[in-house]
């Protein structure tokens, strides 16, 4: 069964080396390019604290350090998560 909790972003790193082009035809090197980020998130489940890293790929706003994010976890494996941004 899945549950949700809130977590706190403790670090954000942009992966400059992995460029993903979102346009078929580009006018410049960075036209339509997006870069994935790795978020390190701290959250608690049943009093135990976890810290996990997750890759995110977004064209929108990337959470900053200290921002709250939603965390979806499995009751049997709380270290396996999905982020709600």
PDB file of N, CA and C in Angstrom:
ATOM      1  N   UNK A   1       0.834  -1.175   0.000  1.00  0.00           N
ATOM      2  CA  UNK A   1       0.000   0.000   0.000  1.00  0.00           C
ATOM      3  C   UNK A   1       0.885   1.247   0.000  1.00  0.00           C
ATOM      4  N   UNK A   2       0.455   2.270  -0.714  1.00  0.00           N
ATOM      5  CA  UNK A   2       1.250   3.496  -0.796  1.00  0.00           C
ATOM      6  C   UNK A   2       0.703   4.559   0.136  1.00  0.00           C
ATOM      7  N   UNK A   3       1.590   5.302   0.733  1.00  0.00           N
ATOM      8  CA  UNK A   3       1.257   6.429   1.598  1.00  0.00           C
ATOM      9  C   UNK A   3       2.055   7.639   1.151  1.00  0.00           C
ATOM     10  N   UNK A   4       1.678   8.782   1.670  1.00  0.00           N
ATOM     11  CA  UNK A   4       2.414  10.008   1.355  1.00  0.00           C
ATOM     12  C   UNK A   4       2.884  10.684   2.631  1.00  0.00           C
ATOM     13  N   UNK A   5       3.956  11.415   2.501  1.00  0.00           N
ATOM     14  CA  UNK A   5       4.493  12.226   3.582  1.00  0.00           C
ATOM     15  C   UNK A   5       5.139  13.443   2.939  1.00  0.00           C
ATOM     16  N   UNK A   6       5.602  14.354   3.745  1.00  0.00           N
ATOM     17  CA  UNK A   6       6.308  15.506   3.184  1.00  0.00           C
ATOM     18  C   UNK A   6       7.802  15.343   3.446  1.00  0.00           C
ATOM     19  N   UNK A   7       8.569  15.865   2.523  1.00  0.00           N
ATOM     20  CA  UNK A   7      10.020  15.820   2.648  1.00  0.00           C
ATOM     21  C   UNK A   7      10.598  17.196   2.407  1.00  0.00           C
ATOM     22  N   UNK A   8      11.863  17.339   2.710  1.00  0.00           N
ATOM     23  CA  UNK A   8      12.574  18.596   2.524  1.00  0.00           C
ATOM     24  C   UNK A   8      13.744  18.373   1.578  1.00  0.00           C
ATOM     25  N   UNK A   9      13.870  19.247   0.597  1.00  0.00           N
ATOM     26  CA  UNK A   9      14.984  19.173  -0.347  1.00  0.00           C
ATOM     27  C   UNK A   9      16.233  19.674   0.364  1.00  0.00           C
ATOM     28  N   UNK A  10      17.276  18.843   0.385  1.00  0.00           N
ATOM     29  CA  UNK A  10      18.506  19.268   1.067  1.00  0.00           C
ATOM     30  C   UNK A  10      19.630  19.588   0.080  1.00  0.00           C
ATOM     31  N   UNK A  11      19.493  19.168  -1.182  1.00  0.00           N
ATOM     32  CA  UNK A  11      20.450  19.610  -2.197  1.00  0.00           C
ATOM     33  C   UNK A  11      19.841  19.434  -3.585  1.00  0.00           C
ATOM     34  N   UNK A  12      20.303  20.297  -4.498  1.00  0.00           N
ATOM     35  CA  UNK A  12      19.855  20.267  -5.892  1.00  0.00           C
ATOM     36  C   UNK A  12      21.098  20.402  -6.760  1.00  0.00           C
ATOM     37  N   UNK A  13      21.248  19.474  -7.703  1.00  0.00           N
ATOM     38  CA  UNK A  13      22.385  19.544  -8.625  1.00  0.00           C
ATOM     39  C   UNK A  13      21.881  19.387 -10.050  1.00  0.00           C
ATOM     40  N   UNK A  14      22.247  20.342 -10.890  1.00  0.00           N
ATOM     41  CA  UNK A  14      21.895  20.263 -12.306  1.00  0.00           C
ATOM     42  C   UNK A  14      22.941  19.426 -13.021  1.00  0.00           C
ATOM     43  N   UNK A  15      22.466  18.543 -13.882  1.00  0.00           N
ATOM     44  CA  UNK A  15      23.351  17.663 -14.647  1.00  0.00           C
ATOM     45  C   UNK A  15      23.654  18.318 -15.990  1.00  0.00           C
ATOM     46  N   UNK A  16      24.645  19.201 -16.012  1.00  0.00           N
ATOM     47  CA  UNK A  16      24.995  19.948 -17.224  1.00  0.00           C
ATOM     48  C   UNK A  16      25.471  19.051 -18.350  1.00  0.00           C
ATOM     49  N   UNK A  17      25.996  17.904 -18.023  1.00  0.00           N
ATOM     50  CA  UNK A  17      26.565  17.009 -19.020  1.00  0.00           C
ATOM     51  C   UNK A  17      25.514  16.219 -19.788  1.00  0.00           C
ATOM     52  N   UNK A  18      24.239  16.275 -19.350  1.00  0.00           N
ATOM     53  CA  UNK A  18      23.180  15.511 -20.001  1.00  0.00           C
ATOM     54  C   UNK A  18      22.119  16.469 -20.550  1.00  0.00           C
ATOM     55  N   UNK A  19      22.309  16.909 -21.781  1.00  0.00           N
ATOM     56  CA  UNK A  19      21.380  17.844 -22.417  1.00  0.00           C
ATOM     57  C   UNK A  19      20.304  17.054 -23.158  1.00  0.00           C
ATOM     58  N   UNK A  20      19.052  17.428 -22.943  1.00  0.00           N
ATOM     59  CA  UNK A  20      17.934  16.790 -23.630  1.00  0.00           C
ATOM     60  C   UNK A  20      17.262  17.845 -24.499  1.00  0.00           C
ATOM     61  N   UNK A  21      17.251  17.594 -25.789  1.00  0.00           N
ATOM     62  CA  UNK A  21      16.638  18.531 -26.728  1.00  0.00           C
ATOM     63  C   UNK A  21      15.144  18.263 -26.831  1.00  0.00           C
ATOM     64  N   UNK A  22      14.339  19.322 -26.713  1.00  0.00           N
ATOM     65  CA  UNK A  22      12.891  19.167 -26.762  1.00  0.00           C
ATOM     66  C   UNK A  22      12.295  19.676 -28.068  1.00  0.00           C
ATOM     67  N   UNK A  23      13.120  20.216 -28.943  1.00  0.00           N
ATOM     68  CA  UNK A  23      12.648  20.719 -30.230  1.00  0.00           C
ATOM     69  C   UNK A  23      13.285  19.918 -31.355  1.00  0.00           C
ATOM     70  N   UNK A  24      12.519  19.674 -32.403  1.00  0.00           N
ATOM     71  CA  UNK A  24      13.059  18.960 -33.562  1.00  0.00           C
ATOM     72  C   UNK A  24      14.083  19.814 -34.308  1.00  0.00           C
ATOM     73  N   UNK A  25      13.754  21.097 -34.482  1.00  0.00           N
ATOM     74  CA  UNK A  25      14.640  22.018 -35.199  1.00  0.00           C
ATOM     75  C   UNK A  25      15.052  23.116 -34.226  1.00  0.00           C
ATOM     76  N   UNK A  26      16.363  23.297 -34.082  1.00  0.00           N
ATOM     77  CA  UNK A  26      16.866  24.282 -33.141  1.00  0.00           C
ATOM     78  C   UNK A  26      17.604  25.389 -33.887  1.00  0.00           C
ATOM     79  N   UNK A  27      17.544  26.592 -33.326  1.00  0.00           N
ATOM     80  CA  UNK A  27      18.249  27.732 -33.912  1.00  0.00           C
ATOM     81  C   UNK A  27      19.572  27.996 -33.214  1.00  0.00           C
ATOM     82  N   UNK A  28      19.796  27.364 -32.093  1.00  0.00           N
ATOM     83  CA  UNK A  28      21.036  27.533 -31.343  1.00  0.00           C
ATOM     84  C   UNK A  28      21.324  26.284 -30.533  1.00  0.00           C
ATOM     85  N   UNK A  29      22.483  26.247 -29.924  1.00  0.00           N
ATOM     86  CA  UNK A  29      22.910  25.054 -29.188  1.00  0.00           C
ATOM     87  C   UNK A  29      21.998  24.750 -28.000  1.00  0.00           C
ATOM     88  N   UNK A  30      21.475  25.772 -27.336  1.00  0.00           N
ATOM     89  CA  UNK A  30      20.640  25.556 -26.154  1.00  0.00           C
ATOM     90  C   UNK A  30      19.158  25.828 -26.421  1.00  0.00           C
ATOM     91  N   UNK A  31      18.784  26.011 -27.662  1.00  0.00           N
ATOM     92  CA  UNK A  31      17.384  26.257 -28.008  1.00  0.00           C
ATOM     93  C   UNK A  31      16.575  24.987 -27.756  1.00  0.00           C
ATOM     94  N   UNK A  32      15.674  25.028 -26.794  1.00  0.00           N
ATOM     95  CA  UNK A  32      14.847  23.879 -26.466  1.00  0.00           C
ATOM     96  C   UNK A  32      15.527  22.843 -25.595  1.00  0.00           C
ATOM     97  N   UNK A  33      16.715  23.143 -25.084  1.00  0.00           N
ATOM     98  CA  UNK A  33      17.446  22.180 -24.256  1.00  0.00           C
ATOM     99  C   UNK A  33      16.993  22.278 -22.801  1.00  0.00           C
ATOM    100  N   UNK A  34      16.840  21.121 -22.180  1.00  0.00           N
ATOM    101  CA  UNK A  34      16.591  21.075 -20.745  1.00  0.00           C
ATOM    102  C   UNK A  34      17.609  20.122 -20.136  1.00  0.00           C
ATOM    103  N   UNK A  35      17.900  20.317 -18.870  1.00  0.00           N
ATOM    104  CA  UNK A  35      18.886  19.521 -18.162  1.00  0.00           C
ATOM    105  C   UNK A  35      18.229  18.903 -16.931  1.00  0.00           C
ATOM    106  N   UNK A  36      18.405  17.597 -16.708  1.00  0.00           N
ATOM    107  CA  UNK A  36      17.827  16.977 -15.515  1.00  0.00           C
ATOM    108  C   UNK A  36      18.542  17.447 -14.254  1.00  0.00           C
ATOM    109  N   UNK A  37      17.852  17.287 -13.143  1.00  0.00           N
ATOM    110  CA  UNK A  37      18.390  17.648 -11.837  1.00  0.00           C
ATOM    111  C   UNK A  37      18.351  16.420 -10.937  1.00  0.00           C
ATOM    112  N   UNK A  38      19.261  16.384  -9.985  1.00  0.00           N
ATOM    113  CA  UNK A  38      19.219  15.374  -8.938  1.00  0.00           C
ATOM    114  C   UNK A  38      18.865  16.094  -7.642  1.00  0.00           C
ATOM    115  N   UNK A  39      17.757  15.666  -7.045  1.00  0.00           N
ATOM    116  CA  UNK A  39      17.337  16.224  -5.762  1.00  0.00           C
ATOM    117  C   UNK A  39      17.679  15.236  -4.662  1.00  0.00           C
ATOM    118  N   UNK A  40      18.230  15.734  -3.581  1.00  0.00           N
ATOM    119  CA  UNK A  40      18.427  14.919  -2.389  1.00  0.00           C
ATOM    120  C   UNK A  40      17.349  15.357  -1.401  1.00  0.00           C
ATOM    121  N   UNK A  41      16.532  14.389  -0.974  1.00  0.00           N
ATOM    122  CA  UNK A  41      15.354  14.681  -0.160  1.00  0.00           C
ATOM    123  C   UNK A  41      15.449  13.937   1.166  1.00  0.00           C
ATOM    124  N   UNK A  42      15.098  14.643   2.249  1.00  0.00           N
ATOM    125  CA  UNK A  42      15.036  14.052   3.589  1.00  0.00           C
ATOM    126  C   UNK A  42      13.567  13.948   3.987  1.00  0.00           C
ATOM    127  N   UNK A  43      13.167  12.769   4.475  1.00  0.00           N
ATOM    128  CA  UNK A  43      11.788  12.567   4.910  1.00  0.00           C
ATOM    129  C   UNK A  43      11.757  11.536   6.034  1.00  0.00           C
ATOM    130  N   UNK A  44      10.645  11.478   6.765  1.00  0.00           N
ATOM    131  CA  UNK A  44      10.499  10.537   7.875  1.00  0.00           C
ATOM    132  C   UNK A  44       9.294   9.641   7.645  1.00  0.00           C
ATOM    133  N   UNK A  45       9.468   8.362   7.991  1.00  0.00           N
ATOM    134  CA  UNK A  45       8.383   7.385   7.964  1.00  0.00           C
ATOM    135  C   UNK A  45       8.437   6.618   9.273  1.00  0.00           C
ATOM    136  N   UNK A  46       7.368   6.673  10.036  1.00  0.00           N
ATOM    137  CA  UNK A  46       7.274   5.977  11.328  1.00  0.00           C
ATOM    138  C   UNK A  46       8.447   6.312  12.246  1.00  0.00           C
ATOM    139  N   UNK A  47       8.854   7.571  12.268  1.00  0.00           N
ATOM    140  CA  UNK A  47       9.920   8.023  13.145  1.00  0.00           C
ATOM    141  C   UNK A  47      11.330   7.784  12.633  1.00  0.00           C
ATOM    142  N   UNK A  48      11.473   7.057  11.548  1.00  0.00           N
ATOM    143  CA  UNK A  48      12.803   6.810  10.984  1.00  0.00           C
ATOM    144  C   UNK A  48      13.055   7.784   9.851  1.00  0.00           C
ATOM    145  N   UNK A  49      14.242   8.387   9.860  1.00  0.00           N
ATOM    146  CA  UNK A  49      14.581   9.384   8.839  1.00  0.00           C
ATOM    147  C   UNK A  49      15.287   8.716   7.662  1.00  0.00           C
ATOM    148  N   UNK A  50      14.895   9.123   6.459  1.00  0.00           N
ATOM    149  CA  UNK A  50      15.488   8.625   5.222  1.00  0.00           C
ATOM    150  C   UNK A  50      16.019   9.801   4.412  1.00  0.00           C
ATOM    151  N   UNK A  51      17.081   9.556   3.668  1.00  0.00           N
ATOM    152  CA  UNK A  51      17.611  10.534   2.713  1.00  0.00           C
ATOM    153  C   UNK A  51      17.794   9.783   1.397  1.00  0.00           C
ATOM    154  N   UNK A  52      17.135  10.275   0.358  1.00  0.00           N
ATOM    155  CA  UNK A  52      17.199   9.626  -0.952  1.00  0.00           C
ATOM    156  C   UNK A  52      17.460  10.653  -2.030  1.00  0.00           C
ATOM    157  N   UNK A  53      18.090  10.182  -3.121  1.00  0.00           N
ATOM    158  CA  UNK A  53      18.307  11.029  -4.294  1.00  0.00           C
ATOM    159  C   UNK A  53      17.362  10.581  -5.395  1.00  0.00           C
ATOM    160  N   UNK A  54      16.796  11.558  -6.104  1.00  0.00           N
ATOM    161  CA  UNK A  54      15.899  11.267  -7.218  1.00  0.00           C
ATOM    162  C   UNK A  54      16.226  12.189  -8.377  1.00  0.00           C
ATOM    163  N   UNK A  55      16.257  11.612  -9.593  1.00  0.00           N
ATOM    164  CA  UNK A  55      16.409  12.405 -10.811  1.00  0.00           C
ATOM    165  C   UNK A  55      15.054  12.990 -11.153  1.00  0.00           C
ATOM    166  N   UNK A  56      15.039  14.256 -11.550  1.00  0.00           N
ATOM    167  CA  UNK A  56      13.803  14.843 -12.059  1.00  0.00           C
ATOM    168  C   UNK A  56      14.122  15.534 -13.386  1.00  0.00           C
ATOM    169  N   UNK A  57      13.155  15.513 -14.253  1.00  0.00           N
ATOM    170  CA  UNK A  57      13.265  16.169 -15.552  1.00  0.00           C
ATOM    171  C   UNK A  57      12.039  17.047 -15.687  1.00  0.00           C
ATOM    172  N   UNK A  58      12.233  18.349 -15.694  1.00  0.00           N
ATOM    173  CA  UNK A  58      11.097  19.249 -15.731  1.00  0.00           C
ATOM    174  C   UNK A  58      11.409  20.485 -16.555  1.00  0.00           C
ATOM    175  N   UNK A  59      10.397  20.958 -17.240  1.00  0.00           N
ATOM    176  CA  UNK A  59      10.515  22.238 -17.950  1.00  0.00           C
ATOM    177  C   UNK A  59      10.091  23.383 -17.039  1.00  0.00           C
ATOM    178  N   UNK A  60       9.432  23.049 -15.952  1.00  0.00           N
ATOM    179  CA  UNK A  60       8.929  24.057 -15.024  1.00  0.00           C
ATOM    180  C   UNK A  60       9.932  24.387 -13.941  1.00  0.00           C
ATOM    181  N   UNK A  61       9.401  24.858 -12.832  1.00  0.00           N
ATOM    182  CA  UNK A  61      10.226  25.276 -11.702  1.00  0.00           C
ATOM    183  C   UNK A  61      10.832  24.058 -11.006  1.00  0.00           C
ATOM    184  N   UNK A  62      12.109  24.145 -10.723  1.00  0.00           N
ATOM    185  CA  UNK A  62      12.817  23.100  -9.986  1.00  0.00           C
ATOM    186  C   UNK A  62      12.838  23.512  -8.518  1.00  0.00           C
ATOM    187  N   UNK A  63      12.493  22.605  -7.604  1.00  0.00           N
ATOM    188  CA  UNK A  63      12.539  22.964  -6.181  1.00  0.00           C
ATOM    189  C   UNK A  63      13.955  23.373  -5.758  1.00  0.00           C
ATOM    190  N   UNK A  64      14.018  24.283  -4.826  1.00  0.00           N
ATOM    191  CA  UNK A  64      15.295  24.762  -4.299  1.00  0.00           C
ATOM    192  C   UNK A  64      15.564  24.103  -2.946  1.00  0.00           C
ATOM    193  N   UNK A  65      16.791  24.255  -2.448  1.00  0.00           N
ATOM    194  CA  UNK A  65      17.121  23.730  -1.128  1.00  0.00           C
ATOM    195  C   UNK A  65      16.203  24.342  -0.087  1.00  0.00           C
ATOM    196  N   UNK A  66      15.664  23.502   0.782  1.00  0.00           N
ATOM    197  CA  UNK A  66      14.759  23.953   1.834  1.00  0.00           C
ATOM    198  C   UNK A  66      13.293  23.877   1.460  1.00  0.00           C
ATOM    199  N   UNK A  67      12.982  23.665   0.190  1.00  0.00           N
ATOM    200  CA  UNK A  67      11.580  23.561  -0.238  1.00  0.00           C
ATOM    201  C   UNK A  67      10.984  22.235   0.222  1.00  0.00           C
ATOM    202  N   UNK A  68       9.680  22.260   0.482  1.00  0.00           N
ATOM    203  CA  UNK A  68       8.956  21.042   0.836  1.00  0.00           C
ATOM    204  C   UNK A  68       8.437  20.378  -0.436  1.00  0.00           C
ATOM    205  N   UNK A  69       8.524  19.055  -0.485  1.00  0.00           N
ATOM    206  CA  UNK A  69       8.007  18.272  -1.600  1.00  0.00           C
ATOM    207  C   UNK A  69       7.202  17.110  -1.036  1.00  0.00           C
ATOM    208  N   UNK A  70       6.271  16.614  -1.830  1.00  0.00           N
ATOM    209  CA  UNK A  70       5.516  15.437  -1.431  1.00  0.00           C
ATOM    210  C   UNK A  70       6.302  14.176  -1.759  1.00  0.00           C
ATOM    211  N   UNK A  71       6.208  13.190  -0.886  1.00  0.00           N
ATOM    212  CA  UNK A  71       6.909  11.922  -1.073  1.00  0.00           C
ATOM    213  C   UNK A  71       5.872  10.797  -1.001  1.00  0.00           C
ATOM    214  N   UNK A  72       5.825   9.984  -2.041  1.00  0.00           N
ATOM    215  CA  UNK A  72       4.970   8.795  -2.060  1.00  0.00           C
ATOM    216  C   UNK A  72       5.876   7.598  -1.834  1.00  0.00           C
ATOM    217  N   UNK A  73       5.551   6.774  -0.844  1.00  0.00           N
ATOM    218  CA  UNK A  73       6.381   5.619  -0.518  1.00  0.00           C
ATOM    219  C   UNK A  73       5.508   4.383  -0.306  1.00  0.00           C
ATOM    220  N   UNK A  74       6.126   3.230  -0.411  1.00  0.00           N
ATOM    221  CA  UNK A  74       5.456   1.954  -0.173  1.00  0.00           C
ATOM    222  C   UNK A  74       5.633   1.590   1.300  1.00  0.00           C
ATOM    223  N   UNK A  75       4.579   1.085   1.933  1.00  0.00           N
ATOM    224  CA  UNK A  75       4.667   0.705   3.351  1.00  0.00           C
ATOM    225  C   UNK A  75       5.741  -0.349   3.599  1.00  0.00           C
ATOM    226  N   UNK A  76       5.894  -1.284   2.664  1.00  0.00           N
ATOM    227  CA  UNK A  76       6.855  -2.365   2.861  1.00  0.00           C
ATOM    228  C   UNK A  76       8.288  -1.940   2.551  1.00  0.00           C
ATOM    229  N   UNK A  77       8.454  -0.961   1.668  1.00  0.00           N
ATOM    230  CA  UNK A  77       9.788  -0.467   1.300  1.00  0.00           C
ATOM    231  C   UNK A  77       9.779   1.057   1.305  1.00  0.00           C
ATOM    232  N   UNK A  78       9.851   1.668   2.485  1.00  0.00           N
ATOM    233  CA  UNK A  78       9.777   3.135   2.544  1.00  0.00           C
ATOM    234  C   UNK A  78      10.969   3.853   1.922  1.00  0.00           C
ATOM    235  N   UNK A  79      12.013   3.123   1.557  1.00  0.00           N
ATOM    236  CA  UNK A  79      13.159   3.770   0.907  1.00  0.00           C
ATOM    237  C   UNK A  79      12.957   3.896  -0.601  1.00  0.00           C
ATOM    238  N   UNK A  80      11.930   3.289  -1.157  1.00  0.00           N
ATOM    239  CA  UNK A  80      11.576   3.433  -2.575  1.00  0.00           C
ATOM    240  C   UNK A  80      10.506   4.511  -2.669  1.00  0.00           C
ATOM    241  N   UNK A  81      10.844   5.624  -3.346  1.00  0.00           N
ATOM    242  CA  UNK A  81       9.936   6.778  -3.322  1.00  0.00           C
ATOM    243  C   UNK A  81       9.676   7.325  -4.724  1.00  0.00           C
ATOM    244  N   UNK A  82       8.610   8.119  -4.803  1.00  0.00           N
ATOM    245  CA  UNK A  82       8.314   8.972  -5.941  1.00  0.00           C
ATOM    246  C   UNK A  82       8.054  10.355  -5.358  1.00  0.00           C
ATOM    247  N   UNK A  83       8.489  11.377  -6.089  1.00  0.00           N
ATOM    248  CA  UNK A  83       8.313  12.750  -5.615  1.00  0.00           C
ATOM    249  C   UNK A  83       7.088  13.389  -6.244  1.00  0.00           C
ATOM    250  N   UNK A  84       6.404  14.203  -5.473  1.00  0.00           N
ATOM    251  CA  UNK A  84       5.305  15.019  -5.964  1.00  0.00           C
ATOM    252  C   UNK A  84       5.795  16.472  -5.913  1.00  0.00           C
ATOM    253  N   UNK A  85       6.003  17.030  -7.088  1.00  0.00           N
ATOM    254  CA  UNK A  85       6.556  18.394  -7.150  1.00  0.00           C
ATOM    255  C   UNK A  85       5.484  19.346  -7.643  1.00  0.00           C
TER     256      UNK A  85
END
